[in-house]
PDB file of all heavy atoms in Angstrom:
ATOM      1  N   PHE A   1     100.790  94.557 122.881  1.00  0.00           N
ATOM      2  CA  PHE A   1     100.447  94.480 121.467  1.00  0.00           C
ATOM      3  C   PHE A   1     100.150  95.834 120.861  1.00  0.00           C
ATOM      4  O   PHE A   1      99.459  95.904 119.825  1.00  0.00           O
ATOM      5  CB  PHE A   1      99.241  93.575 121.306  1.00  0.00           C
ATOM      6  CG  PHE A   1      99.365  92.181 121.949  1.00  0.00           C
ATOM      7  CD1 PHE A   1      98.748  91.940 123.158  1.00  0.00           C
ATOM      8  CD2 PHE A   1     100.107  91.208 121.310  1.00  0.00           C
ATOM      9  CE1 PHE A   1      98.865  90.670 123.703  1.00  0.00           C
ATOM     10  CE2 PHE A   1     100.271  90.007 121.911  1.00  0.00           C
ATOM     11  CZ  PHE A   1      99.606  89.687 123.099  1.00  0.00           C
ATOM     12  N   GLY A   2     100.636  96.923 121.457  1.00  0.00           N
ATOM     13  CA  GLY A   2     100.331  98.257 120.971  1.00  0.00           C
ATOM     14  C   GLY A   2     100.734  98.475 119.542  1.00  0.00           C
ATOM     15  O   GLY A   2      99.992  99.034 118.745  1.00  0.00           O
ATOM     16  N   SER A   3     101.897  98.029 119.172  1.00  0.00           N
ATOM     17  CA  SER A   3     102.402  98.227 117.785  1.00  0.00           C
ATOM     18  C   SER A   3     101.565  97.457 116.785  1.00  0.00           C
ATOM     19  O   SER A   3     101.239  97.967 115.647  1.00  0.00           O
ATOM     20  CB  SER A   3     103.867  97.813 117.659  1.00  0.00           C
ATOM     21  OG  SER A   3     104.016  96.427 118.026  1.00  0.00           O
ATOM     22  N   TRP A   4     101.136  96.264 117.134  1.00  0.00           N
ATOM     23  CA  TRP A   4     100.276  95.459 116.258  1.00  0.00           C
ATOM     24  C   TRP A   4      98.937  96.097 116.108  1.00  0.00           C
ATOM     25  O   TRP A   4      98.363  96.164 114.965  1.00  0.00           O
ATOM     26  CB  TRP A   4     100.122  94.010 116.772  1.00  0.00           C
ATOM     27  CG  TRP A   4     101.381  93.200 116.687  1.00  0.00           C
ATOM     28  CD1 TRP A   4     102.349  92.993 117.588  1.00  0.00           C
ATOM     29  CD2 TRP A   4     101.829  92.447 115.482  1.00  0.00           C
ATOM     30  NE1 TRP A   4     103.345  92.210 117.145  1.00  0.00           N
ATOM     31  CE2 TRP A   4     103.040  91.832 115.850  1.00  0.00           C
ATOM     32  CE3 TRP A   4     101.284  92.285 114.247  1.00  0.00           C
ATOM     33  CZ2 TRP A   4     103.745  91.063 114.931  1.00  0.00           C
ATOM     34  CZ3 TRP A   4     101.974  91.483 113.323  1.00  0.00           C
ATOM     35  CH2 TRP A   4     103.193  90.889 113.658  1.00  0.00           C
ATOM     36  N   LEU A   5      98.360  96.545 117.207  1.00  0.00           N
ATOM     37  CA  LEU A   5      97.070  97.189 117.118  1.00  0.00           C
ATOM     38  C   LEU A   5      97.113  98.501 116.369  1.00  0.00           C
ATOM     39  O   LEU A   5      96.166  98.889 115.681  1.00  0.00           O
ATOM     40  CB  LEU A   5      96.533  97.422 118.573  1.00  0.00           C
ATOM     41  CG  LEU A   5      96.173  96.173 119.350  1.00  0.00           C
ATOM     42  CD1 LEU A   5      95.831  96.497 120.783  1.00  0.00           C
ATOM     43  CD2 LEU A   5      95.039  95.396 118.700  1.00  0.00           C
ATOM     44  N   TYR A   6      98.231  99.222 116.497  1.00  0.00           N
ATOM     45  CA  TYR A   6      98.381 100.499 115.738  1.00  0.00           C
ATOM     46  C   TYR A   6      98.451 100.209 114.256  1.00  0.00           C
ATOM     47  O   TYR A   6      97.844 100.897 113.449  1.00  0.00           O
ATOM     48  CB  TYR A   6      99.657 101.170 116.229  1.00  0.00           C
ATOM     49  CG  TYR A   6      99.907 102.541 115.549  1.00  0.00           C
ATOM     50  CD1 TYR A   6      99.158 103.629 115.914  1.00  0.00           C
ATOM     51  CD2 TYR A   6     100.846 102.683 114.566  1.00  0.00           C
ATOM     52  CE1 TYR A   6      99.357 104.860 115.342  1.00  0.00           C
ATOM     53  CE2 TYR A   6     101.103 103.911 113.943  1.00  0.00           C
ATOM     54  CZ  TYR A   6     100.324 105.000 114.373  1.00  0.00           C
ATOM     55  OH  TYR A   6     100.542 106.224 113.732  1.00  0.00           O
ATOM     56  N   ALA A   7      99.168  99.124 113.907  1.00  0.00           N
ATOM     57  CA  ALA A   7      99.217  98.742 112.515  1.00  0.00           C
ATOM     58  C   ALA A   7      97.872  98.353 111.986  1.00  0.00           C
ATOM     59  O   ALA A   7      97.491  98.638 110.839  1.00  0.00           O
ATOM     60  CB  ALA A   7     100.246  97.617 112.314  1.00  0.00           C
ATOM     61  N   ALA A   8      97.119  97.583 112.815  1.00  0.00           N
ATOM     62  CA  ALA A   8      95.795  97.157 112.453  1.00  0.00           C
ATOM     63  C   ALA A   8      94.890  98.357 112.251  1.00  0.00           C
ATOM     64  O   ALA A   8      94.055  98.383 111.301  1.00  0.00           O
ATOM     65  CB  ALA A   8      95.199  96.239 113.499  1.00  0.00           C
ATOM     66  N   GLU A   9      95.022  99.328 113.081  1.00  0.00           N
ATOM     67  CA  GLU A   9      94.203 100.574 112.969  1.00  0.00           C
ATOM     68  C   GLU A   9      94.399 101.220 111.621  1.00  0.00           C
ATOM     69  O   GLU A   9      93.470 101.630 110.936  1.00  0.00           O
ATOM     70  CB  GLU A   9      94.513 101.515 114.130  1.00  0.00           C
ATOM     71  CG  GLU A   9      93.827 102.859 114.029  1.00  0.00           C
ATOM     72  CD  GLU A   9      94.318 103.822 115.072  1.00  0.00           C
ATOM     73  OE1 GLU A   9      94.667 103.325 116.179  1.00  0.00           O
ATOM     74  OE2 GLU A   9      94.338 105.038 114.824  1.00  0.00           O
ATOM     75  N   TRP A  10      95.674 101.374 111.212  1.00  0.00           N
ATOM     76  CA  TRP A  10      95.976 102.010 109.951  1.00  0.00           C
ATOM     77  C   TRP A  10      95.549 101.137 108.771  1.00  0.00           C
ATOM     78  O   TRP A  10      95.138 101.629 107.733  1.00  0.00           O
ATOM     79  CB  TRP A  10      97.453 102.332 109.860  1.00  0.00           C
ATOM     80  CG  TRP A  10      97.784 103.675 110.477  1.00  0.00           C
ATOM     81  CD1 TRP A  10      98.354 103.916 111.691  1.00  0.00           C
ATOM     82  CD2 TRP A  10      97.478 104.937 109.943  1.00  0.00           C
ATOM     83  NE1 TRP A  10      98.442 105.270 111.966  1.00  0.00           N
ATOM     84  CE2 TRP A  10      97.914 105.931 110.858  1.00  0.00           C
ATOM     85  CE3 TRP A  10      96.873 105.374 108.770  1.00  0.00           C
ATOM     86  CZ2 TRP A  10      97.768 107.276 110.618  1.00  0.00           C
ATOM     87  CZ3 TRP A  10      96.743 106.744 108.513  1.00  0.00           C
ATOM     88  CH2 TRP A  10      97.170 107.666 109.457  1.00  0.00           C
ATOM     89  N   PHE A  11      95.686  99.824 108.919  1.00  0.00           N
ATOM     90  CA  PHE A  11      95.252  98.917 107.864  1.00  0.00           C
ATOM     91  C   PHE A  11      93.747  99.109 107.591  1.00  0.00           C
ATOM     92  O   PHE A  11      93.318  99.237 106.444  1.00  0.00           O
ATOM     93  CB  PHE A  11      95.532  97.488 108.261  1.00  0.00           C
ATOM     94  CG  PHE A  11      94.889  96.436 107.348  1.00  0.00           C
ATOM     95  CD1 PHE A  11      95.389  96.201 106.088  1.00  0.00           C
ATOM     96  CD2 PHE A  11      93.746  95.744 107.755  1.00  0.00           C
ATOM     97  CE1 PHE A  11      94.775  95.275 105.264  1.00  0.00           C
ATOM     98  CE2 PHE A  11      93.147  94.852 106.946  1.00  0.00           C
ATOM     99  CZ  PHE A  11      93.651  94.607 105.692  1.00  0.00           C
ATOM    100  N   PHE A  12      92.936  99.077 108.661  1.00  0.00           N
ATOM    101  CA  PHE A  12      91.481  99.240 108.509  1.00  0.00           C
ATOM    102  C   PHE A  12      91.158 100.603 107.990  1.00  0.00           C
ATOM    103  O   PHE A  12      90.201 100.753 107.223  1.00  0.00           O
ATOM    104  CB  PHE A  12      90.816  98.910 109.838  1.00  0.00           C
ATOM    105  CG  PHE A  12      90.793  97.460 110.191  1.00  0.00           C
ATOM    106  CD1 PHE A  12      91.354  97.007 111.340  1.00  0.00           C
ATOM    107  CD2 PHE A  12      90.154  96.526 109.337  1.00  0.00           C
ATOM    108  CE1 PHE A  12      91.335  95.660 111.707  1.00  0.00           C
ATOM    109  CE2 PHE A  12      90.124  95.174 109.685  1.00  0.00           C
ATOM    110  CZ  PHE A  12      90.724  94.724 110.839  1.00  0.00           C
ATOM    111  N   THR A  13      91.877 101.622 108.474  1.00  0.00           N
ATOM    112  CA  THR A  13      91.571 103.013 108.010  1.00  0.00           C
ATOM    113  C   THR A  13      91.810 103.126 106.535  1.00  0.00           C
ATOM    114  O   THR A  13      90.979 103.725 105.830  1.00  0.00           O
ATOM    115  CB  THR A  13      92.451 103.992 108.800  1.00  0.00           C
ATOM    116  OG1 THR A  13      92.132 103.912 110.209  1.00  0.00           O
ATOM    117  CG2 THR A  13      92.224 105.416 108.288  1.00  0.00           C
ATOM    118  N   ILE A  14      92.944 102.637 106.030  1.00  0.00           N
ATOM    119  CA  ILE A  14      93.220 102.693 104.603  1.00  0.00           C
ATOM    120  C   ILE A  14      92.206 101.860 103.830  1.00  0.00           C
ATOM    121  O   ILE A  14      91.711 102.297 102.804  1.00  0.00           O
ATOM    122  CB  ILE A  14      94.650 102.180 104.347  1.00  0.00           C
ATOM    123  CG1 ILE A  14      95.677 103.154 104.974  1.00  0.00           C
ATOM    124  CG2 ILE A  14      94.903 102.073 102.842  1.00  0.00           C
ATOM    125  CD1 ILE A  14      97.125 102.672 104.873  1.00  0.00           C
ATOM    126  N   LEU A  15      91.854 100.693 104.398  1.00  0.00           N
ATOM    127  CA  LEU A  15      90.844  99.845 103.727  1.00  0.00           C
ATOM    128  C   LEU A  15      89.509 100.572 103.626  1.00  0.00           C
ATOM    129  O   LEU A  15      88.857 100.606 102.526  1.00  0.00           O
ATOM    130  CB  LEU A  15      90.660  98.540 104.520  1.00  0.00           C
ATOM    131  CG  LEU A  15      89.653  97.565 103.981  1.00  0.00           C
ATOM    132  CD1 LEU A  15      90.093  97.016 102.597  1.00  0.00           C
ATOM    133  CD2 LEU A  15      89.452  96.394 104.952  1.00  0.00           C
ATOM    134  N   PHE A  16      89.043 101.182 104.677  1.00  0.00           N
ATOM    135  CA  PHE A  16      87.741 101.885 104.692  1.00  0.00           C
ATOM    136  C   PHE A  16      87.823 103.189 103.842  1.00  0.00           C
ATOM    137  O   PHE A  16      86.789 103.593 103.292  1.00  0.00           O
ATOM    138  CB  PHE A  16      87.331 102.182 106.109  1.00  0.00           C
ATOM    139  CG  PHE A  16      86.973 100.966 106.908  1.00  0.00           C
ATOM    140  CD1 PHE A  16      87.329 100.890 108.258  1.00  0.00           C
ATOM    141  CD2 PHE A  16      86.404  99.886 106.342  1.00  0.00           C
ATOM    142  CE1 PHE A  16      87.018  99.779 108.993  1.00  0.00           C
ATOM    143  CE2 PHE A  16      86.119  98.740 107.055  1.00  0.00           C
ATOM    144  CZ  PHE A  16      86.407  98.696 108.420  1.00  0.00           C
ATOM    145  N   THR A  17      88.994 103.781 103.776  1.00  0.00           N
ATOM    146  CA  THR A  17      89.141 104.999 102.979  1.00  0.00           C
ATOM    147  C   THR A  17      88.990 104.607 101.495  1.00  0.00           C
ATOM    148  O   THR A  17      88.274 105.303 100.734  1.00  0.00           O
ATOM    149  CB  THR A  17      90.492 105.629 103.165  1.00  0.00           C
ATOM    150  OG1 THR A  17      90.662 106.003 104.555  1.00  0.00           O
ATOM    151  CG2 THR A  17      90.686 106.878 102.316  1.00  0.00           C
ATOM    152  N   LEU A  18      89.607 103.541 101.094  1.00  0.00           N
ATOM    153  CA  LEU A  18      89.499 103.052  99.707  1.00  0.00           C
ATOM    154  C   LEU A  18      88.010 102.650  99.430  1.00  0.00           C
ATOM    155  O   LEU A  18      87.483 102.945  98.346  1.00  0.00           O
ATOM    156  CB  LEU A  18      90.396 101.831  99.456  1.00  0.00           C
ATOM    157  CG  LEU A  18      91.906 102.118  99.453  1.00  0.00           C
ATOM    158  CD1 LEU A  18      92.677 100.821  99.362  1.00  0.00           C
ATOM    159  CD2 LEU A  18      92.269 103.055  98.354  1.00  0.00           C
ATOM    160  N   GLU A  19      87.392 102.058 100.402  1.00  0.00           N
ATOM    161  CA  GLU A  19      85.981 101.668 100.218  1.00  0.00           C
ATOM    162  C   GLU A  19      85.113 102.904 100.037  1.00  0.00           C
ATOM    163  O   GLU A  19      84.220 102.915  99.180  1.00  0.00           O
ATOM    164  CB  GLU A  19      85.505 100.854 101.418  1.00  0.00           C
ATOM    165  CG  GLU A  19      84.044 100.395 101.332  1.00  0.00           C
ATOM    166  CD  GLU A  19      83.290 100.615 102.627  1.00  0.00           C
ATOM    167  OE1 GLU A  19      83.937 100.870 103.634  1.00  0.00           O
ATOM    168  OE2 GLU A  19      82.054 100.497 102.597  1.00  0.00           O
ATOM    169  N   TYR A  20      85.368 103.935 100.837  1.00  0.00           N
ATOM    170  CA  TYR A  20      84.567 105.190 100.731  1.00  0.00           C
ATOM    171  C   TYR A  20      84.772 105.835  99.363  1.00  0.00           C
ATOM    172  O   TYR A  20      83.816 106.302  98.705  1.00  0.00           O
ATOM    173  CB  TYR A  20      85.032 106.115 101.816  1.00  0.00           C
ATOM    174  CG  TYR A  20      84.255 107.450 101.832  1.00  0.00           C
ATOM    175  CD1 TYR A  20      82.957 107.551 102.234  1.00  0.00           C
ATOM    176  CD2 TYR A  20      84.896 108.620 101.394  1.00  0.00           C
ATOM    177  CE1 TYR A  20      82.282 108.735 102.261  1.00  0.00           C
ATOM    178  CE2 TYR A  20      84.232 109.832 101.368  1.00  0.00           C
ATOM    179  CZ  TYR A  20      82.923 109.889 101.774  1.00  0.00           C
ATOM    180  OH  TYR A  20      82.283 111.100 101.761  1.00  0.00           O
ATOM    181  N   VAL A  21      86.030 105.834  98.871  1.00  0.00           N
ATOM    182  CA  VAL A  21      86.301 106.434  97.585  1.00  0.00           C
ATOM    183  C   VAL A  21      85.613 105.650  96.464  1.00  0.00           C
ATOM    184  O   VAL A  21      85.018 106.230  95.530  1.00  0.00           O
ATOM    185  CB  VAL A  21      87.828 106.486  97.333  1.00  0.00           C
ATOM    186  CG1 VAL A  21      88.119 106.957  95.870  1.00  0.00           C
ATOM    187  CG2 VAL A  21      88.491 107.435  98.318  1.00  0.00           C
ATOM    188  N   VAL A  22      85.648 104.324  96.573  1.00  0.00           N
ATOM    189  CA  VAL A  22      84.995 103.479  95.543  1.00  0.00           C
ATOM    190  C   VAL A  22      83.492 103.694  95.577  1.00  0.00           C
ATOM    191  O   VAL A  22      82.823 103.744  94.527  1.00  0.00           O
ATOM    192  CB  VAL A  22      85.358 102.006  95.792  1.00  0.00           C
ATOM    193  CG1 VAL A  22      84.517 101.088  94.897  1.00  0.00           C
ATOM    194  CG2 VAL A  22      86.825 101.763  95.538  1.00  0.00           C
ATOM    195  N   ARG A  23      82.904 103.856  96.792  1.00  0.00           N
ATOM    196  CA  ARG A  23      81.453 104.120  96.883  1.00  0.00           C
ATOM    197  C   ARG A  23      81.116 105.404  96.184  1.00  0.00           C
ATOM    198  O   ARG A  23      80.074 105.523  95.501  1.00  0.00           O
ATOM    199  CB  ARG A  23      81.027 104.156  98.346  1.00  0.00           C
ATOM    200  CG  ARG A  23      80.913 102.793  98.998  1.00  0.00           C
ATOM    201  CD  ARG A  23      80.453 102.892 100.425  1.00  0.00           C
ATOM    202  NE  ARG A  23      80.381 101.571 101.083  1.00  0.00           N
ATOM    203  CZ  ARG A  23      79.328 100.749 101.014  1.00  0.00           C
ATOM    204  NH1 ARG A  23      78.251 101.140 100.326  1.00  0.00           N
ATOM    205  NH2 ARG A  23      79.306  99.582 101.645  1.00  0.00           N
ATOM    206  N   LEU A  24      81.937 106.440  96.365  1.00  0.00           N
ATOM    207  CA  LEU A  24      81.715 107.684  95.638  1.00  0.00           C
ATOM    208  C   LEU A  24      81.803 107.527  94.140  1.00  0.00           C
ATOM    209  O   LEU A  24      81.070 108.110  93.392  1.00  0.00           O
ATOM    210  CB  LEU A  24      82.681 108.768  96.149  1.00  0.00           C
ATOM    211  CG  LEU A  24      82.481 109.294  97.564  1.00  0.00           C
ATOM    212  CD1 LEU A  24      83.653 110.207  97.937  1.00  0.00           C
ATOM    213  CD2 LEU A  24      81.145 109.984  97.728  1.00  0.00           C
ATOM    214  N   TRP A  25      82.737 106.680  93.731  1.00  0.00           N
ATOM    215  CA  TRP A  25      83.002 106.504  92.303  1.00  0.00           C
ATOM    216  C   TRP A  25      81.842 105.776  91.606  1.00  0.00           C
ATOM    217  O   TRP A  25      81.415 106.156  90.509  1.00  0.00           O
ATOM    218  CB  TRP A  25      84.308 105.755  92.118  1.00  0.00           C
ATOM    219  CG  TRP A  25      84.582 105.353  90.677  1.00  0.00           C
ATOM    220  CD1 TRP A  25      84.734 106.163  89.621  1.00  0.00           C
ATOM    221  CD2 TRP A  25      84.715 104.017  90.189  1.00  0.00           C
ATOM    222  NE1 TRP A  25      84.964 105.432  88.456  1.00  0.00           N
ATOM    223  CE2 TRP A  25      84.958 104.127  88.795  1.00  0.00           C
ATOM    224  CE3 TRP A  25      84.665 102.755  90.730  1.00  0.00           C
ATOM    225  CZ2 TRP A  25      85.151 103.022  87.975  1.00  0.00           C
ATOM    226  CZ3 TRP A  25      84.867 101.649  89.951  1.00  0.00           C
ATOM    227  CH2 TRP A  25      85.094 101.749  88.568  1.00  0.00           C
ATOM    228  N   VAL A  26      81.336 104.742  92.285  1.00  0.00           N
ATOM    229  CA  VAL A  26      80.300 103.906  91.606  1.00  0.00           C
ATOM    230  C   VAL A  26      78.869 104.480  91.859  1.00  0.00           C
ATOM    231  O   VAL A  26      77.940 104.092  91.192  1.00  0.00           O
ATOM    232  CB  VAL A  26      80.340 102.465  92.136  1.00  0.00           C
ATOM    233  CG1 VAL A  26      81.692 101.847  91.886  1.00  0.00           C
ATOM    234  CG2 VAL A  26      79.967 102.399  93.614  1.00  0.00           C
ATOM    235  N   SER A  27      78.712 105.425  92.837  1.00  0.00           N
ATOM    236  CA  SER A  27      77.436 105.974  93.079  1.00  0.00           C
ATOM    237  C   SER A  27      76.901 106.808  91.942  1.00  0.00           C
ATOM    238  O   SER A  27      77.668 107.555  91.309  1.00  0.00           O
ATOM    239  CB  SER A  27      77.460 106.803  94.351  1.00  0.00           C
ATOM    240  OG  SER A  27      76.172 107.357  94.644  1.00  0.00           O
ATOM    241  N   GLU A  28      75.600 106.677  91.638  1.00  0.00           N
ATOM    242  CA  GLU A  28      75.011 107.490  90.563  1.00  0.00           C
ATOM    243  C   GLU A  28      74.949 108.967  90.995  1.00  0.00           C
ATOM    244  O   GLU A  28      75.101 109.853  90.159  1.00  0.00           O
ATOM    245  CB  GLU A  28      73.602 107.002  90.268  1.00  0.00           C
ATOM    246  CG  GLU A  28      73.530 105.608  89.692  1.00  0.00           C
ATOM    247  CD  GLU A  28      72.128 105.165  89.381  1.00  0.00           C
ATOM    248  OE1 GLU A  28      71.179 105.865  89.807  1.00  0.00           O
ATOM    249  OE2 GLU A  28      71.984 104.118  88.751  1.00  0.00           O
ATOM    250  N   ARG A  29      74.740 109.211  92.293  1.00  0.00           N
ATOM    251  CA  ARG A  29      74.770 110.565  92.806  1.00  0.00           C
ATOM    252  C   ARG A  29      75.710 110.652  94.003  1.00  0.00           C
ATOM    253  O   ARG A  29      75.325 110.489  95.137  1.00  0.00           O
ATOM    254  CB  ARG A  29      73.339 110.969  93.243  1.00  0.00           C
ATOM    255  CG  ARG A  29      72.318 110.929  92.137  1.00  0.00           C
ATOM    256  CD  ARG A  29      70.932 111.323  92.639  1.00  0.00           C
ATOM    257  NE  ARG A  29      69.973 111.311  91.566  1.00  0.00           N
ATOM    258  CZ  ARG A  29      68.678 111.598  91.769  1.00  0.00           C
ATOM    259  NH1 ARG A  29      68.230 111.845  93.001  1.00  0.00           N
ATOM    260  NH2 ARG A  29      67.818 111.549  90.747  1.00  0.00           N
ATOM    261  N   PRO A  30      77.011 110.890  93.712  1.00  0.00           N
ATOM    262  CA  PRO A  30      78.008 110.904  94.785  1.00  0.00           C
ATOM    263  C   PRO A  30      77.686 111.907  95.930  1.00  0.00           C
ATOM    264  O   PRO A  30      77.881 111.584  97.081  1.00  0.00           O
ATOM    265  CB  PRO A  30      79.313 111.292  94.017  1.00  0.00           C
ATOM    266  CG  PRO A  30      79.024 110.895  92.614  1.00  0.00           C
ATOM    267  CD  PRO A  30      77.580 111.153  92.401  1.00  0.00           C
ATOM    268  N   VAL A  31      77.217 113.076  95.556  1.00  0.00           N
ATOM    269  CA  VAL A  31      76.924 114.069  96.589  1.00  0.00           C
ATOM    270  C   VAL A  31      75.769 113.610  97.466  1.00  0.00           C
ATOM    271  O   VAL A  31      75.854 113.787  98.711  1.00  0.00           O
ATOM    272  CB  VAL A  31      76.555 115.425  95.948  1.00  0.00           C
ATOM    273  CG1 VAL A  31      76.153 116.447  96.983  1.00  0.00           C
ATOM    274  CG2 VAL A  31      77.721 115.973  95.095  1.00  0.00           C
ATOM    275  N   ARG A  32      74.790 112.984  96.899  1.00  0.00           N
ATOM    276  CA  ARG A  32      73.666 112.475  97.671  1.00  0.00           C
ATOM    277  C   ARG A  32      74.109 111.381  98.642  1.00  0.00           C
ATOM    278  O   ARG A  32      73.690 111.341  99.767  1.00  0.00           O
ATOM    279  CB  ARG A  32      72.583 111.921  96.737  1.00  0.00           C
ATOM    280  CG  ARG A  32      71.341 111.420  97.452  1.00  0.00           C
ATOM    281  CD  ARG A  32      70.296 110.984  96.476  1.00  0.00           C
ATOM    282  NE  ARG A  32      69.128 110.497  97.155  1.00  0.00           N
ATOM    283  CZ  ARG A  32      68.001 110.020  96.530  1.00  0.00           C
ATOM    284  NH1 ARG A  32      68.007 109.997  95.168  1.00  0.00           N
ATOM    285  NH2 ARG A  32      66.985 109.568  97.184  1.00  0.00           N
ATOM    286  N   TYR A  33      75.007 110.480  98.150  1.00  0.00           N
ATOM    287  CA  TYR A  33      75.546 109.442  99.011  1.00  0.00           C
ATOM    288  C   TYR A  33      76.399 110.041 100.135  1.00  0.00           C
ATOM    289  O   TYR A  33      76.257 109.641 101.317  1.00  0.00           O
ATOM    290  CB  TYR A  33      76.389 108.430  98.229  1.00  0.00           C
ATOM    291  CG  TYR A  33      77.285 107.631  99.094  1.00  0.00           C
ATOM    292  CD1 TYR A  33      76.752 106.635  99.948  1.00  0.00           C
ATOM    293  CD2 TYR A  33      78.655 107.860  99.155  1.00  0.00           C
ATOM    294  CE1 TYR A  33      77.592 105.909 100.732  1.00  0.00           C
ATOM    295  CE2 TYR A  33      79.480 107.111  99.944  1.00  0.00           C
ATOM    296  CZ  TYR A  33      78.956 106.124 100.752  1.00  0.00           C
ATOM    297  OH  TYR A  33      79.777 105.427 101.551  1.00  0.00           O
ATOM    298  N   ALA A  34      77.194 111.042  99.792  1.00  0.00           N
ATOM    299  CA  ALA A  34      78.097 111.616 100.808  1.00  0.00           C
ATOM    300  C   ALA A  34      77.312 112.315 101.894  1.00  0.00           C
ATOM    301  O   ALA A  34      77.773 112.407 103.062  1.00  0.00           O
ATOM    302  CB  ALA A  34      79.067 112.634 100.136  1.00  0.00           C
ATOM    303  N   ARG A  35      76.109 112.839 101.588  1.00  0.00           N
ATOM    304  CA  ARG A  35      75.300 113.538 102.551  1.00  0.00           C
ATOM    305  C   ARG A  35      74.284 112.614 103.246  1.00  0.00           C
ATOM    306  O   ARG A  35      73.625 113.066 104.200  1.00  0.00           O
ATOM    307  CB  ARG A  35      74.544 114.699 101.875  1.00  0.00           C
ATOM    308  CG  ARG A  35      75.441 115.759 101.260  1.00  0.00           C
ATOM    309  CD  ARG A  35      74.666 116.758 100.462  1.00  0.00           C
ATOM    310  NE  ARG A  35      73.633 117.449 101.309  1.00  0.00           N
ATOM    311  CZ  ARG A  35      72.823 118.387 100.850  1.00  0.00           C
ATOM    312  NH1 ARG A  35      72.887 118.703  99.533  1.00  0.00           N
ATOM    313  NH2 ARG A  35      71.969 118.961 101.610  1.00  0.00           N
ATOM    314  N   SER A  36      74.205 111.348 102.863  1.00  0.00           N
ATOM    315  CA  SER A  36      73.308 110.389 103.456  1.00  0.00           C
ATOM    316  C   SER A  36      73.837 109.981 104.817  1.00  0.00           C
ATOM    317  O   SER A  36      75.010 110.235 105.200  1.00  0.00           O
ATOM    318  CB  SER A  36      73.110 109.186 102.580  1.00  0.00           C
ATOM    319  OG  SER A  36      74.278 108.415 102.446  1.00  0.00           O
ATOM    320  N   PHE A  37      73.015 109.240 105.614  1.00  0.00           N
ATOM    321  CA  PHE A  37      73.440 108.803 106.946  1.00  0.00           C
ATOM    322  C   PHE A  37      74.692 107.925 106.834  1.00  0.00           C
ATOM    323  O   PHE A  37      75.709 108.194 107.497  1.00  0.00           O
ATOM    324  CB  PHE A  37      72.268 108.036 107.596  1.00  0.00           C
ATOM    325  CG  PHE A  37      72.668 107.339 108.895  1.00  0.00           C
ATOM    326  CD1 PHE A  37      72.830 108.073 110.043  1.00  0.00           C
ATOM    327  CD2 PHE A  37      72.917 105.974 108.907  1.00  0.00           C
ATOM    328  CE1 PHE A  37      73.189 107.458 111.223  1.00  0.00           C
ATOM    329  CE2 PHE A  37      73.313 105.340 110.064  1.00  0.00           C
ATOM    330  CZ  PHE A  37      73.417 106.086 111.262  1.00  0.00           C
ATOM    331  N   PHE A  38      74.619 106.907 105.988  1.00  0.00           N
ATOM    332  CA  PHE A  38      75.760 105.979 105.890  1.00  0.00           C
ATOM    333  C   PHE A  38      76.965 106.666 105.267  1.00  0.00           C
ATOM    334  O   PHE A  38      78.132 106.352 105.586  1.00  0.00           O
ATOM    335  CB  PHE A  38      75.375 104.738 105.069  1.00  0.00           C
ATOM    336  CG  PHE A  38      74.609 103.728 105.844  1.00  0.00           C
ATOM    337  CD1 PHE A  38      73.344 103.359 105.458  1.00  0.00           C
ATOM    338  CD2 PHE A  38      75.163 103.156 106.982  1.00  0.00           C
ATOM    339  CE1 PHE A  38      72.616 102.406 106.168  1.00  0.00           C
ATOM    340  CE2 PHE A  38      74.436 102.186 107.694  1.00  0.00           C
ATOM    341  CZ  PHE A  38      73.170 101.801 107.303  1.00  0.00           C
ATOM    342  N   GLY A  39      76.720 107.631 104.376  1.00  0.00           N
ATOM    343  CA  GLY A  39      77.842 108.342 103.795  1.00  0.00           C
ATOM    344  C   GLY A  39      78.623 109.154 104.807  1.00  0.00           C
ATOM    345  O   GLY A  39      79.844 109.142 104.835  1.00  0.00           O
ATOM    346  N   VAL A  40      77.899 109.810 105.684  1.00  0.00           N
ATOM    347  CA  VAL A  40      78.502 110.607 106.800  1.00  0.00           C
ATOM    348  C   VAL A  40      79.229 109.686 107.748  1.00  0.00           C
ATOM    349  O   VAL A  40      80.365 109.983 108.186  1.00  0.00           O
ATOM    350  CB  VAL A  40      77.470 111.482 107.517  1.00  0.00           C
ATOM    351  CG1 VAL A  40      78.070 112.152 108.703  1.00  0.00           C
ATOM    352  CG2 VAL A  40      76.846 112.473 106.560  1.00  0.00           C
ATOM    353  N   VAL A  41      78.595 108.583 108.125  1.00  0.00           N
ATOM    354  CA  VAL A  41      79.225 107.625 109.049  1.00  0.00           C
ATOM    355  C   VAL A  41      80.491 107.027 108.420  1.00  0.00           C
ATOM    356  O   VAL A  41      81.532 106.916 109.103  1.00  0.00           O
ATOM    357  CB  VAL A  41      78.243 106.529 109.412  1.00  0.00           C
ATOM    358  CG1 VAL A  41      78.938 105.431 110.213  1.00  0.00           C
ATOM    359  CG2 VAL A  41      77.094 107.091 110.231  1.00  0.00           C
ATOM    360  N   ASP A  42      80.445 106.711 107.133  1.00  0.00           N
ATOM    361  CA  ASP A  42      81.611 106.156 106.462  1.00  0.00           C
ATOM    362  C   ASP A  42      82.783 107.116 106.459  1.00  0.00           C
ATOM    363  O   ASP A  42      83.918 106.738 106.676  1.00  0.00           O
ATOM    364  CB  ASP A  42      81.274 105.787 104.977  1.00  0.00           C
ATOM    365  CG  ASP A  42      80.302 104.596 104.902  1.00  0.00           C
ATOM    366  OD1 ASP A  42      80.160 103.921 105.927  1.00  0.00           O
ATOM    367  OD2 ASP A  42      79.747 104.360 103.838  1.00  0.00           O
TER     368      ASP A  42
END
């Protein structure tokens, strides 16, 4: 199932990338969020 798992990896990566960008967009202080624990982990 390597090809399926590889596709799943990219699907989740793109999904989480969009989520990270949206979090920066809606945050009142984007820099503060980006430097926070969850921001760095994201």
